[in-house]
Amino acid sequence: MIPGGAWVLGVDSGGSGFRVALGAVDDAARTAGGGTAGSGAAAAGPPVRTAAARSFDTPVPTGPGGIDAEWLLERLVPVARTLLAEAGADGRRPAAVAVGAAGMAGLGDRLRAVLPGALRDALGVRRLALASDAVTAYAGALGRAPGTVVAAGTGLVALGTDLLRWRRADGWGHLLGDCGGGAWIGRAGLEAALRAHDGRRGGSPGLLARAEALFGPVAGLPGQLYPRPDRAAVLASFAPEVARRAADDPVAADVLARAARHIAEAAAAVHPAGGVGDVALTGGLFRIGDPLLVPLRDELARRLPGARPVSAAGDPLSGALAIAAALAADAPALPREPGLLDTYGD
């Protein structure tokens, strides 16, 4: 059992910033309504009540050594102390910490080498989980239940589990994959604009007009996009324009139909055998609404007829808190797998 009033920390580190939350795992968390991690996230372990949180617009930088562990620590440790003090727990150590980070699988070696010892020394943390942001998205969306989560924003990744192992599809970045994600939709929409500019088949005059309104003459697009380190985000910024045109532009509608096929293919590739479990959709891309969701539901029904599409119960930050609470309580949690979910401590 976790002692009453135990505290856990959750961290969500993504491409647009990072967030830190302090959670309380106690009897009050089992009955509290608003402010909990959510029913899906709670299913990953003991219920956890969010006590306080902080958000930062600057993302954790990456370099030749991967994700910058020292930069993250310099900000995480003082924020954690502040949140504990504000919650009246000044001087107490968190029972566990879970860090979910984009790029953890390929870029997380420095975090895995540094954070266990550094957080033990600075905050007295003895139990730590380092997870891919896809895993924390899963924990927030579905908790400890078999199924699939599709996390889609600028990029796209699908993650499924039967609670014995993970299966992942896509998440390869905008140059090699992320098919159906925001950057993919935006790039396809801009290609249709350039086809209209050239007089080639498959062009969309409506998307050409929107592209020129946002970016200026399309002849200058390559010079604007190719040198930019944030070109994936710039491409994704055009995805809502494609969605707005879809009702009366067959080219825009076809872009979203193709995106739906890609998303459903990724979900089907990782879903547990036999079609058991829900498919949860999470991430900013799905806020563009019915122009994408209607064809996506049709594709999911065709490829995964036994699965039920659901909204995510919580977000990646609530998922990080749920993983931390499960780790602190020695509760059954999601599958451990190097690079996806690593745990440390007694």
Protein backbone atom coordinates (compact mmCIF):
# COMPACT_ATOMS: atom_id res chain seq x y z
CA MET A 1 0.00 0.00 0.00
CA ILE A 2 1.07 3.58 -0.61
CA PRO A 3 1.12 5.64 2.58
CA GLY A 4 -1.65 8.23 2.69
CA GLY A 5 -0.58 11.47 1.10
CA ALA A 6 2.16 9.97 -1.09
CA TRP A 7 3.25 12.19 -3.98
CA VAL A 8 4.25 11.32 -7.53
CA LEU A 9 5.54 13.42 -10.43
CA GLY A 10 4.64 13.14 -14.10
CA VAL A 11 6.54 14.79 -16.96
CA ASP A 12 5.40 15.16 -20.57
CA SER A 13 8.18 16.30 -22.92
CA GLY A 14 7.21 16.93 -26.53
CA GLY A 15 8.21 18.88 -29.59
CA SER A 16 6.46 22.08 -28.55
CA GLY A 17 7.36 22.18 -24.83
CA PHE A 18 7.20 20.20 -21.65
CA ARG A 19 4.84 19.90 -18.69
CA VAL A 20 5.28 18.78 -15.11
CA ALA A 21 2.49 17.68 -12.77
CA LEU A 22 2.42 16.73 -9.10
CA GLY A 23 -0.08 14.02 -8.18
CA ALA A 24 -1.42 12.78 -4.85
CA VAL A 25 -2.07 9.08 -4.41
CA ASP A 26 -4.32 8.71 -1.37
CA ASP A 27 -7.85 7.88 -0.32
CA ALA A 28 -9.07 11.29 -1.49
CA ALA A 29 -7.85 10.50 -5.00
CA ARG A 30 -10.13 7.46 -5.10
CA THR A 31 -13.25 9.56 -4.65
CA ALA A 32 -12.32 12.96 -6.09
CA GLY A 33 -14.08 13.96 -9.28
CA GLY A 34 -12.45 16.77 -11.26
CA GLY A 35 -8.69 16.90 -11.19
CA THR A 36 -8.11 13.13 -11.31
CA ALA A 37 -6.05 11.49 -13.97
CA GLY A 38 -9.26 10.15 -15.53
CA SER A 39 -10.91 6.76 -15.55
CA GLY A 40 -8.77 5.39 -18.35
CA ALA A 41 -5.52 6.61 -16.81
CA ALA A 42 -6.55 5.46 -13.37
CA ALA A 43 -6.92 1.94 -14.68
CA ALA A 44 -3.13 1.83 -15.19
CA GLY A 45 -2.70 1.86 -11.39
CA PRO A 46 -4.04 3.53 -8.26
CA PRO A 47 -6.13 6.65 -8.83
CA VAL A 48 -4.03 9.79 -8.74
CA ARG A 49 -5.29 13.32 -8.13
CA THR A 50 -3.47 16.16 -9.89
CA ALA A 51 -2.43 18.66 -7.22
CA ALA A 52 -0.55 21.20 -9.36
CA ALA A 53 1.12 21.53 -12.76
CA ARG A 54 3.43 23.76 -14.76
CA SER A 55 3.82 24.15 -18.52
CA PHE A 56 6.81 25.45 -20.49
CA ASP A 57 6.68 26.51 -24.12
CA THR A 58 10.34 25.68 -24.76
CA PRO A 59 10.94 22.03 -25.69
CA VAL A 60 13.78 20.03 -24.20
CA PRO A 61 16.61 20.34 -26.74
CA THR A 62 18.29 17.43 -28.48
CA GLY A 63 21.83 17.21 -29.74
CA PRO A 64 24.43 14.66 -30.86
CA GLY A 65 24.02 12.90 -27.50
CA GLY A 66 20.24 12.74 -27.79
CA ILE A 67 17.73 14.41 -25.45
CA ASP A 68 19.55 16.90 -23.20
CA ALA A 69 19.24 15.35 -19.73
CA GLU A 70 21.06 18.17 -17.95
CA TRP A 71 18.79 20.83 -19.47
CA LEU A 72 15.71 18.88 -18.38
CA LEU A 73 17.08 18.40 -14.85
CA GLU A 74 17.90 22.08 -14.44
CA ARG A 75 14.22 22.89 -14.92
CA LEU A 76 12.53 19.81 -13.50
CA VAL A 77 14.17 19.77 -10.06
CA PRO A 78 13.30 23.35 -9.00
CA VAL A 79 9.78 23.02 -10.44
CA ALA A 80 9.26 19.80 -8.51
CA ARG A 81 10.38 21.45 -5.28
CA THR A 82 8.07 24.40 -5.93
CA LEU A 83 5.07 22.16 -6.63
CA LEU A 84 5.72 20.12 -3.48
CA ALA A 85 5.97 23.29 -1.41
CA GLU A 86 2.76 24.71 -2.87
CA ALA A 87 0.98 21.44 -2.03
CA GLY A 88 2.15 21.61 1.57
CA ALA A 89 4.61 18.76 1.10
CA ASP A 90 7.82 20.80 1.35
CA GLY A 91 10.68 18.52 2.33
CA ARG A 92 8.93 15.29 1.30
CA ARG A 93 10.25 13.16 -1.55
CA PRO A 94 8.11 11.91 -4.43
CA ALA A 95 7.40 8.20 -4.18
CA ALA A 96 7.95 7.86 -7.94
CA VAL A 97 8.51 9.89 -11.09
CA ALA A 98 7.51 9.05 -14.67
CA VAL A 99 8.99 10.96 -17.62
CA GLY A 100 7.39 10.60 -21.03
CA ALA A 101 9.45 12.06 -23.86
CA ALA A 102 9.22 12.27 -27.63
CA GLY A 103 12.16 10.40 -29.12
CA MET A 104 12.82 8.35 -25.99
CA ALA A 105 13.44 5.13 -27.93
CA GLY A 106 16.16 6.52 -30.20
CA LEU A 107 17.34 9.63 -28.36
CA GLY A 108 16.91 8.71 -24.69
CA ASP A 109 20.26 7.10 -23.85
CA ARG A 110 21.48 10.18 -21.98
CA LEU A 111 18.24 10.36 -19.98
CA ARG A 112 18.56 6.70 -19.05
CA ALA A 113 22.17 7.19 -17.98
CA VAL A 114 21.69 10.38 -15.96
CA LEU A 115 18.18 10.69 -14.56
CA PRO A 116 17.99 7.70 -12.15
CA GLY A 117 20.98 8.86 -10.09
CA ALA A 118 20.37 12.59 -10.49
CA LEU A 119 16.74 12.47 -9.35
CA ARG A 120 17.66 10.21 -6.43
CA ASP A 121 20.32 12.72 -5.31
CA ALA A 122 18.25 15.87 -5.88
CA LEU A 123 14.76 14.78 -4.82
CA GLY A 124 15.22 11.45 -3.05
CA VAL A 125 13.40 9.62 -5.87
CA ARG A 126 13.93 5.86 -5.66
CA ARG A 127 11.50 4.75 -8.38
CA LEU A 128 11.59 6.16 -11.89
CA ALA A 129 9.92 5.30 -15.19
CA LEU A 130 11.30 6.61 -18.49
CA ALA A 131 8.78 6.16 -21.28
CA SER A 132 8.15 7.04 -24.88
CA ASP A 133 5.52 9.75 -25.18
CA ALA A 134 3.47 7.18 -27.11
CA VAL A 135 3.38 5.01 -23.95
CA THR A 136 2.29 7.89 -21.72
CA ALA A 137 -0.33 8.76 -24.34
CA TYR A 138 -1.52 5.13 -24.15
CA ALA A 139 -1.66 5.17 -20.33
CA GLY A 140 -3.62 8.41 -20.39
CA ALA A 141 -5.99 7.26 -23.10
CA LEU A 142 -6.76 3.64 -22.19
CA GLY A 143 -5.00 2.93 -18.89
CA ARG A 144 -4.14 -0.71 -18.26
CA ALA A 145 -6.38 -2.24 -20.89
CA PRO A 146 -5.57 -4.01 -24.14
CA GLY A 147 -6.12 -1.99 -27.27
CA THR A 148 -4.54 0.63 -29.49
CA VAL A 149 -3.83 4.32 -29.25
CA VAL A 150 -3.20 6.53 -32.27
CA ALA A 151 -1.41 9.71 -31.24
CA ALA A 152 -1.55 12.29 -34.02
CA GLY A 153 -0.44 15.89 -34.16
CA THR A 154 2.31 17.15 -36.42
CA GLY A 155 3.41 13.51 -36.64
CA LEU A 156 1.66 10.20 -36.09
CA VAL A 157 2.36 6.99 -34.22
CA ALA A 158 0.16 3.99 -33.38
CA LEU A 159 0.85 1.87 -30.32
CA GLY A 160 -0.97 -1.31 -29.36
CA THR A 161 -0.64 -3.88 -26.61
CA ASP A 162 -2.19 -7.11 -25.40
CA LEU A 163 -0.60 -6.27 -21.99
CA LEU A 164 2.22 -8.73 -22.71
CA ARG A 165 4.14 -6.75 -25.32
CA TRP A 166 3.98 -3.54 -27.33
CA ARG A 167 3.57 -3.15 -31.06
CA ARG A 168 4.34 0.16 -32.74
CA ALA A 169 3.67 1.44 -36.25
CA ASP A 170 4.99 4.58 -37.91
CA GLY A 171 6.31 7.50 -35.89
CA TRP A 172 9.21 7.74 -38.33
CA GLY A 173 9.10 11.51 -38.74
CA HIS A 174 7.80 13.67 -41.56
CA LEU A 175 10.53 12.76 -44.05
CA LEU A 176 10.17 8.99 -43.75
CA GLY A 177 6.65 8.44 -42.44
CA ASP A 178 4.10 9.88 -40.00
CA CYS A 179 1.62 9.03 -42.73
CA GLY A 180 -1.77 10.65 -42.16
CA GLY A 181 -0.39 13.07 -39.55
CA GLY A 182 -0.62 16.84 -39.65
CA ALA A 183 2.59 17.41 -41.62
CA TRP A 184 1.59 14.69 -44.09
CA ILE A 185 -1.85 16.28 -44.66
CA GLY A 186 -0.35 19.76 -44.95
CA ARG A 187 2.29 18.61 -47.42
CA ALA A 188 -0.32 16.79 -49.53
CA GLY A 189 -2.48 19.92 -49.51
CA LEU A 190 0.43 22.10 -50.60
CA GLU A 191 1.31 19.60 -53.33
CA ALA A 192 -2.26 19.96 -54.63
CA ALA A 193 -1.81 23.73 -54.55
CA LEU A 194 1.42 23.48 -56.57
CA ARG A 195 -0.25 21.13 -59.07
CA ALA A 196 -2.94 23.75 -59.62
CA HIS A 197 -0.24 26.41 -60.05
CA ASP A 198 1.47 24.25 -62.70
CA GLY A 199 -1.73 23.17 -64.44
CA ARG A 200 -1.13 19.50 -63.61
CA ARG A 201 -3.83 16.94 -62.91
CA GLY A 202 -4.85 16.64 -59.26
CA GLY A 203 -4.51 20.32 -58.50
CA SER A 204 -6.80 22.36 -56.28
CA PRO A 205 -7.35 26.05 -57.12
CA GLY A 206 -8.97 26.52 -53.70
CA LEU A 207 -5.93 25.17 -51.86
CA LEU A 208 -3.67 27.25 -54.13
CA ALA A 209 -5.53 30.38 -53.06
CA ARG A 210 -5.22 29.46 -49.37
CA ALA A 211 -1.51 28.65 -49.73
CA GLU A 212 -0.81 32.01 -51.37
CA ALA A 213 -2.84 33.81 -48.71
CA LEU A 214 -0.76 32.20 -45.96
CA PHE A 215 2.70 31.88 -47.53
CA GLY A 216 2.78 34.31 -50.45
CA PRO A 217 3.53 33.28 -54.03
CA VAL A 218 3.93 29.51 -54.09
CA ALA A 219 7.05 29.74 -56.26
CA GLY A 220 8.80 30.82 -53.07
CA LEU A 221 7.61 27.87 -50.96
CA PRO A 222 10.73 25.68 -51.37
CA GLY A 223 12.95 28.50 -50.20
CA GLN A 224 10.69 29.11 -47.22
CA LEU A 225 10.37 25.49 -46.17
CA TYR A 226 13.50 23.51 -46.94
CA PRO A 227 15.99 25.43 -44.75
CA ARG A 228 13.68 25.59 -41.71
CA PRO A 229 14.31 23.25 -38.77
CA ASP A 230 10.60 23.46 -37.92
CA ARG A 231 9.36 22.65 -41.42
CA ALA A 232 7.23 19.76 -40.11
CA ALA A 233 5.28 22.19 -37.95
CA VAL A 234 4.95 24.63 -40.88
CA LEU A 235 3.58 21.86 -43.08
CA ALA A 236 1.16 20.81 -40.34
CA SER A 237 -0.12 24.37 -40.06
CA PHE A 238 -1.75 23.88 -43.48
CA ALA A 239 -3.71 20.77 -42.43
CA PRO A 240 -6.65 22.79 -41.02
CA GLU A 241 -6.90 24.60 -44.35
CA VAL A 242 -7.27 21.26 -46.11
CA ALA A 243 -10.03 20.28 -43.67
CA ARG A 244 -11.88 23.58 -44.20
CA ARG A 245 -11.92 23.04 -47.98
CA ALA A 246 -12.95 19.36 -47.84
CA ALA A 247 -16.73 19.94 -47.92
CA ASP A 248 -16.67 21.54 -51.40
CA ASP A 249 -13.26 20.55 -52.78
CA PRO A 250 -12.90 16.90 -53.91
CA VAL A 251 -9.11 17.17 -53.96
CA ALA A 252 -9.01 18.28 -50.32
CA ALA A 253 -11.53 15.59 -49.39
CA ASP A 254 -9.36 12.98 -51.10
CA VAL A 255 -6.32 14.09 -49.09
CA LEU A 256 -8.23 13.48 -45.87
CA ALA A 257 -9.60 10.16 -47.13
CA ARG A 258 -6.05 9.01 -47.86
CA ALA A 259 -4.94 10.24 -44.44
CA ALA A 260 -7.74 8.21 -42.86
CA ARG A 261 -6.57 5.09 -44.70
CA HIS A 262 -3.00 5.58 -43.46
CA ILE A 263 -4.16 6.10 -39.86
CA ALA A 264 -6.40 3.02 -39.95
CA GLU A 265 -3.59 0.93 -41.48
CA ALA A 266 -1.27 1.91 -38.63
CA ALA A 267 -3.93 1.09 -36.04
CA ALA A 268 -4.67 -2.28 -37.62
CA ALA A 269 -0.97 -3.15 -37.76
CA VAL A 270 -0.57 -2.90 -33.98
CA HIS A 271 -3.99 -3.89 -32.64
CA PRO A 272 -4.08 -7.03 -30.43
CA ALA A 273 -4.82 -10.30 -32.19
CA GLY A 274 -8.48 -11.11 -32.43
CA GLY A 275 -9.51 -7.47 -32.47
CA VAL A 276 -9.76 -7.25 -28.66
CA GLY A 277 -9.77 -3.77 -27.16
CA ASP A 278 -10.67 -0.20 -28.02
CA VAL A 279 -8.94 2.17 -30.42
CA ALA A 280 -8.39 5.56 -28.81
CA LEU A 281 -7.60 8.67 -30.84
CA THR A 282 -5.54 11.34 -29.12
CA GLY A 283 -3.67 14.43 -30.20
CA GLY A 284 -4.31 17.81 -31.76
CA LEU A 285 -4.83 16.52 -35.30
CA PHE A 286 -8.23 15.07 -34.44
CA ARG A 287 -9.50 18.50 -33.45
CA ILE A 288 -10.00 19.24 -37.15
CA GLY A 289 -13.13 17.17 -36.71
CA ASP A 290 -15.53 15.42 -39.07
CA PRO A 291 -13.69 16.00 -42.36
CA LEU A 292 -11.09 13.54 -41.04
CA LEU A 293 -13.02 11.63 -38.38
CA VAL A 294 -15.90 10.51 -40.62
CA PRO A 295 -13.69 8.73 -43.19
CA LEU A 296 -11.45 7.48 -40.38
CA ARG A 297 -14.34 5.82 -38.55
CA ASP A 298 -15.37 4.15 -41.81
CA GLU A 299 -11.82 2.86 -42.39
CA LEU A 300 -11.51 1.57 -38.80
CA ALA A 301 -14.87 -0.21 -39.08
CA ARG A 302 -13.65 -1.92 -42.24
CA ARG A 303 -10.19 -2.91 -40.99
CA LEU A 304 -10.98 -3.54 -37.30
CA PRO A 305 -14.67 -4.47 -37.19
CA GLY A 306 -14.46 -5.80 -33.62
CA ALA A 307 -12.77 -2.71 -32.18
CA ARG A 308 -14.58 0.30 -30.77
CA PRO A 309 -13.22 3.81 -31.55
CA VAL A 310 -13.23 5.88 -28.36
CA SER A 311 -12.06 9.27 -27.22
CA ALA A 312 -8.98 9.30 -25.03
CA ALA A 313 -9.81 9.31 -21.31
CA GLY A 314 -6.78 11.48 -20.53
CA ASP A 315 -3.70 13.03 -22.06
CA PRO A 316 0.01 12.03 -21.93
CA LEU A 317 0.63 14.03 -18.75
CA SER A 318 -2.16 12.23 -16.90
CA GLY A 319 -0.72 9.02 -18.32
CA ALA A 320 2.70 9.85 -16.86
CA LEU A 321 1.09 10.41 -13.46
CA ALA A 322 -0.76 7.09 -13.73
CA ILE A 323 2.46 5.23 -14.56
CA ALA A 324 4.22 6.91 -11.62
CA ALA A 325 1.37 5.97 -9.26
CA ALA A 326 1.46 2.33 -10.41
CA LEU A 327 5.23 2.22 -9.99
CA ALA A 328 5.03 3.69 -6.50
CA ALA A 329 2.39 1.16 -5.46
CA ASP A 330 4.01 -1.93 -7.01
CA ALA A 331 0.72 -2.24 -8.91
CA PRO A 332 0.51 -4.18 -12.16
CA ALA A 333 1.32 -1.74 -14.92
CA LEU A 334 1.89 -1.65 -18.66
CA PRO A 335 4.56 -3.87 -20.26
CA ARG A 336 8.17 -2.93 -19.67
CA GLU A 337 10.19 -2.79 -22.87
CA PRO A 338 13.60 -1.15 -23.44
CA GLY A 339 13.20 2.22 -25.10
CA LEU A 340 9.44 2.25 -24.69
CA LEU A 341 9.02 1.82 -20.93
CA ASP A 342 12.08 1.44 -18.68
CA THR A 343 11.80 1.41 -14.89
CA TYR A 344 14.45 1.93 -12.22
CA GLY A 345 14.63 1.56 -8.44
CA ASP A 346 13.70 -0.80 -5.65
